[in-house]
């Protein structure tokens, strides 16, 4: 089993976020499309799993109540996902 790198995990979160958003926009115009609703819900489930996997290893991706913290208070030390140093 391949161990996913920090970048791999972040890429997965970004890809699933985009897919969920795209389906959300589609459903705004096609609210009765049952297949699309199932696809959206599937992306949401996968996104939650991907975020949990990332955050359990590297800390929260967002703040203000979207990511619970372990004890003691946990926040990202460095680098932040958007920092250039993150990609090196």
N, C-alpha and C. Protein backbone atom coordinates (compact mmCIF):
# COMPACT_ATOMS: atom_id res chain seq x y z
N UNK A 1 0.84 -1.19 0.00
CA UNK A 1 0.00 0.00 0.00
C UNK A 1 0.89 1.25 0.00
N UNK A 2 0.66 2.13 -0.95
CA UNK A 2 1.45 3.35 -1.07
C UNK A 2 1.04 4.35 0.01
N UNK A 3 2.04 4.89 0.68
CA UNK A 3 1.80 5.91 1.69
C UNK A 3 1.71 7.26 0.99
N UNK A 4 0.63 7.97 1.20
CA UNK A 4 0.43 9.24 0.51
C UNK A 4 1.24 10.35 1.19
N UNK A 5 1.88 11.17 0.36
CA UNK A 5 2.65 12.30 0.87
C UNK A 5 1.69 13.43 1.25
N UNK A 6 2.24 14.42 1.92
CA UNK A 6 1.45 15.59 2.29
C UNK A 6 0.84 16.23 1.05
N UNK A 7 1.66 16.37 0.00
CA UNK A 7 1.17 16.98 -1.23
C UNK A 7 0.08 16.13 -1.87
N UNK A 8 0.24 14.80 -1.85
CA UNK A 8 -0.80 13.90 -2.40
C UNK A 8 -2.12 14.08 -1.67
N UNK A 9 -2.05 14.15 -0.34
CA UNK A 9 -3.27 14.32 0.45
C UNK A 9 -3.93 15.66 0.17
N UNK A 10 -3.12 16.72 0.08
CA UNK A 10 -3.68 18.05 -0.21
C UNK A 10 -4.28 18.09 -1.61
N UNK A 11 -3.61 17.48 -2.58
CA UNK A 11 -4.16 17.43 -3.94
C UNK A 11 -5.51 16.73 -3.95
N UNK A 12 -5.63 15.65 -3.20
CA UNK A 12 -6.89 14.91 -3.15
C UNK A 12 -8.00 15.78 -2.56
N UNK A 13 -7.69 16.52 -1.50
CA UNK A 13 -8.67 17.43 -0.90
C UNK A 13 -9.10 18.48 -1.92
N UNK A 14 -8.14 19.06 -2.63
CA UNK A 14 -8.46 20.09 -3.63
C UNK A 14 -9.30 19.53 -4.77
N UNK A 15 -8.94 18.36 -5.26
CA UNK A 15 -9.70 17.73 -6.36
C UNK A 15 -11.13 17.43 -5.94
N UNK A 16 -11.30 16.87 -4.75
CA UNK A 16 -12.65 16.54 -4.29
C UNK A 16 -13.46 17.78 -3.96
N UNK A 17 -12.80 18.83 -3.47
CA UNK A 17 -13.49 20.11 -3.23
C UNK A 17 -14.03 20.67 -4.53
N UNK A 18 -13.20 20.64 -5.57
CA UNK A 18 -13.62 21.13 -6.88
C UNK A 18 -14.79 20.30 -7.42
N UNK A 19 -14.68 18.97 -7.31
CA UNK A 19 -15.74 18.10 -7.82
C UNK A 19 -17.06 18.34 -7.09
N UNK A 20 -17.00 18.49 -5.77
CA UNK A 20 -18.22 18.74 -4.99
C UNK A 20 -18.82 20.09 -5.35
N UNK A 21 -17.97 21.10 -5.50
CA UNK A 21 -18.46 22.43 -5.90
C UNK A 21 -19.09 22.38 -7.29
N UNK A 22 -18.45 21.70 -8.21
CA UNK A 22 -18.97 21.58 -9.57
C UNK A 22 -20.35 20.90 -9.57
N UNK A 23 -20.47 19.83 -8.79
CA UNK A 23 -21.77 19.15 -8.70
C UNK A 23 -22.81 20.04 -8.03
N UNK A 24 -22.38 20.83 -7.04
CA UNK A 24 -23.28 21.75 -6.37
C UNK A 24 -23.85 22.76 -7.36
N UNK A 25 -22.99 23.30 -8.21
CA UNK A 25 -23.44 24.26 -9.22
C UNK A 25 -24.40 23.60 -10.22
N UNK A 26 -24.08 22.38 -10.62
CA UNK A 26 -24.97 21.65 -11.53
C UNK A 26 -26.34 21.44 -10.87
N UNK A 27 -26.33 21.05 -9.61
CA UNK A 27 -27.60 20.77 -8.92
C UNK A 27 -28.43 22.04 -8.68
N UNK A 28 -27.78 23.21 -8.65
CA UNK A 28 -28.54 24.45 -8.55
C UNK A 28 -29.49 24.60 -9.74
N UNK A 29 -29.11 24.04 -10.88
CA UNK A 29 -29.93 24.14 -12.09
C UNK A 29 -30.69 22.87 -12.42
N UNK A 30 -30.35 21.77 -11.77
CA UNK A 30 -31.00 20.48 -12.03
C UNK A 30 -31.31 19.78 -10.70
N UNK A 31 -32.15 20.40 -9.87
CA UNK A 31 -32.36 19.88 -8.52
C UNK A 31 -33.05 18.51 -8.45
N UNK A 32 -33.64 18.05 -9.53
CA UNK A 32 -34.33 16.77 -9.51
C UNK A 32 -33.51 15.63 -10.12
N UNK A 33 -32.25 15.86 -10.38
CA UNK A 33 -31.38 14.85 -10.97
C UNK A 33 -30.85 13.94 -9.86
N UNK A 34 -31.52 12.81 -9.67
CA UNK A 34 -31.19 11.90 -8.57
C UNK A 34 -29.77 11.35 -8.70
N UNK A 35 -29.34 11.03 -9.91
CA UNK A 35 -27.99 10.51 -10.11
C UNK A 35 -26.95 11.56 -9.71
N UNK A 36 -27.20 12.81 -10.06
CA UNK A 36 -26.28 13.89 -9.70
C UNK A 36 -26.24 14.10 -8.19
N UNK A 37 -27.37 13.97 -7.52
CA UNK A 37 -27.40 14.10 -6.06
C UNK A 37 -26.57 12.99 -5.43
N UNK A 38 -26.70 11.77 -5.94
CA UNK A 38 -25.90 10.66 -5.42
C UNK A 38 -24.42 10.89 -5.65
N UNK A 39 -24.08 11.42 -6.83
CA UNK A 39 -22.68 11.73 -7.13
C UNK A 39 -22.16 12.80 -6.19
N UNK A 40 -22.94 13.85 -5.98
CA UNK A 40 -22.57 14.92 -5.06
C UNK A 40 -22.33 14.37 -3.66
N UNK A 41 -23.26 13.56 -3.17
CA UNK A 41 -23.13 12.99 -1.83
C UNK A 41 -21.89 12.10 -1.73
N UNK A 42 -21.58 11.37 -2.79
CA UNK A 42 -20.39 10.54 -2.81
C UNK A 42 -19.13 11.40 -2.72
N UNK A 43 -19.09 12.49 -3.48
CA UNK A 43 -17.94 13.40 -3.40
C UNK A 43 -17.81 14.00 -2.01
N UNK A 44 -18.93 14.36 -1.39
CA UNK A 44 -18.90 14.93 -0.04
C UNK A 44 -18.32 13.95 0.96
N UNK A 45 -18.71 12.69 0.86
CA UNK A 45 -18.19 11.65 1.75
C UNK A 45 -16.69 11.47 1.54
N UNK A 46 -16.27 11.40 0.29
CA UNK A 46 -14.85 11.25 -0.01
C UNK A 46 -14.04 12.46 0.46
N UNK A 47 -14.63 13.65 0.30
CA UNK A 47 -13.96 14.88 0.73
C UNK A 47 -13.76 14.89 2.24
N UNK A 48 -14.78 14.50 2.98
CA UNK A 48 -14.66 14.44 4.44
C UNK A 48 -13.55 13.47 4.84
N UNK A 49 -13.48 12.33 4.19
CA UNK A 49 -12.44 11.35 4.48
C UNK A 49 -11.05 11.90 4.14
N UNK A 50 -10.94 12.57 3.02
CA UNK A 50 -9.65 13.13 2.60
C UNK A 50 -9.20 14.24 3.55
N UNK A 51 -10.13 15.10 3.93
CA UNK A 51 -9.80 16.18 4.88
C UNK A 51 -9.37 15.60 6.22
N UNK A 52 -10.08 14.59 6.68
CA UNK A 52 -9.75 13.95 7.95
C UNK A 52 -8.36 13.32 7.89
N UNK A 53 -8.05 12.66 6.79
CA UNK A 53 -6.73 12.04 6.62
C UNK A 53 -5.64 13.10 6.65
N UNK A 54 -5.85 14.21 5.93
CA UNK A 54 -4.85 15.27 5.91
C UNK A 54 -4.70 15.89 7.30
N UNK A 55 -5.82 16.29 7.90
CA UNK A 55 -5.78 17.02 9.16
C UNK A 55 -5.25 16.16 10.31
N UNK A 56 -5.46 14.86 10.26
CA UNK A 56 -4.95 14.01 11.33
C UNK A 56 -3.42 13.95 11.31
N UNK A 57 -2.82 14.17 10.15
CA UNK A 57 -1.36 14.14 10.03
C UNK A 57 -0.72 15.52 10.10
N UNK A 58 -1.38 16.52 9.51
CA UNK A 58 -0.73 17.81 9.30
C UNK A 58 -1.44 19.00 9.93
N UNK A 59 -2.57 18.81 10.56
CA UNK A 59 -3.28 19.90 11.21
C UNK A 59 -4.39 20.46 10.36
N UNK A 60 -5.17 21.36 10.94
CA UNK A 60 -6.36 21.90 10.28
C UNK A 60 -6.07 22.64 8.98
N UNK A 61 -6.99 22.50 8.04
CA UNK A 61 -6.92 23.25 6.78
C UNK A 61 -7.70 24.55 6.88
N UNK A 62 -8.68 24.60 7.76
CA UNK A 62 -9.50 25.80 7.94
C UNK A 62 -9.69 26.04 9.43
N UNK A 63 -10.24 27.20 9.76
CA UNK A 63 -10.49 27.51 11.16
C UNK A 63 -11.95 27.89 11.36
N UNK A 64 -12.26 28.45 12.48
CA UNK A 64 -13.60 28.92 12.83
C UNK A 64 -14.63 27.80 12.87
N UNK A 65 -14.27 26.71 13.53
CA UNK A 65 -15.25 25.67 13.79
C UNK A 65 -15.36 24.58 12.75
N UNK A 66 -14.53 24.60 11.73
CA UNK A 66 -14.62 23.58 10.70
C UNK A 66 -13.70 22.40 10.95
N UNK A 67 -12.73 22.58 11.84
CA UNK A 67 -11.76 21.53 12.11
C UNK A 67 -11.55 21.41 13.62
N UNK A 68 -11.94 20.30 14.21
CA UNK A 68 -11.72 20.14 15.65
C UNK A 68 -10.22 20.01 15.94
N UNK A 69 -9.85 20.23 17.18
CA UNK A 69 -8.44 20.17 17.58
C UNK A 69 -8.23 19.09 18.63
N UNK A 70 -7.06 18.48 18.57
CA UNK A 70 -6.65 17.57 19.64
C UNK A 70 -6.12 18.42 20.78
N UNK A 71 -5.88 17.78 21.92
CA UNK A 71 -5.28 18.46 23.06
C UNK A 71 -3.78 18.25 23.03
N UNK A 72 -2.96 19.23 23.30
CA UNK A 72 -3.31 20.63 23.49
C UNK A 72 -3.70 21.28 22.16
N UNK A 73 -4.17 22.51 22.26
CA UNK A 73 -4.63 23.24 21.08
C UNK A 73 -3.65 23.05 19.93
N UNK A 74 -4.19 22.68 18.81
CA UNK A 74 -3.35 22.37 17.66
C UNK A 74 -3.65 23.31 16.52
N UNK A 75 -2.60 23.84 15.96
CA UNK A 75 -2.72 24.63 14.75
C UNK A 75 -1.46 24.40 13.95
N UNK A 76 -1.46 24.78 12.73
CA UNK A 76 -0.31 24.53 11.88
C UNK A 76 0.88 25.38 12.36
N UNK A 77 2.03 24.73 12.51
CA UNK A 77 3.24 25.47 12.87
C UNK A 77 3.84 26.07 11.61
N UNK A 78 4.20 25.27 10.67
CA UNK A 78 4.72 25.70 9.37
C UNK A 78 5.04 24.47 8.57
N UNK A 79 5.04 24.47 7.32
CA UNK A 79 4.52 25.54 6.48
C UNK A 79 3.00 25.42 6.33
N UNK A 80 2.37 26.52 6.01
CA UNK A 80 0.95 26.50 5.69
C UNK A 80 0.79 25.92 4.28
N UNK A 81 -0.34 25.31 3.98
CA UNK A 81 -0.51 24.70 2.65
C UNK A 81 -0.29 25.66 1.49
N UNK A 82 -0.48 26.94 1.67
CA UNK A 82 -0.33 27.89 0.56
C UNK A 82 1.08 28.51 0.53
N UNK A 83 1.93 28.17 1.49
CA UNK A 83 3.31 28.67 1.49
C UNK A 83 4.15 27.94 0.43
N UNK A 84 5.04 28.68 -0.21
CA UNK A 84 5.94 28.08 -1.20
C UNK A 84 6.79 26.98 -0.57
N UNK A 85 7.19 27.16 0.67
CA UNK A 85 8.03 26.18 1.35
C UNK A 85 7.33 24.82 1.45
N UNK A 86 6.03 24.82 1.42
CA UNK A 86 5.25 23.59 1.50
C UNK A 86 5.56 22.67 0.35
N UNK A 87 5.82 23.23 -0.81
CA UNK A 87 6.00 22.45 -2.02
C UNK A 87 7.44 21.99 -2.24
N UNK A 88 8.35 22.40 -1.40
CA UNK A 88 9.76 22.01 -1.55
C UNK A 88 10.06 20.73 -0.82
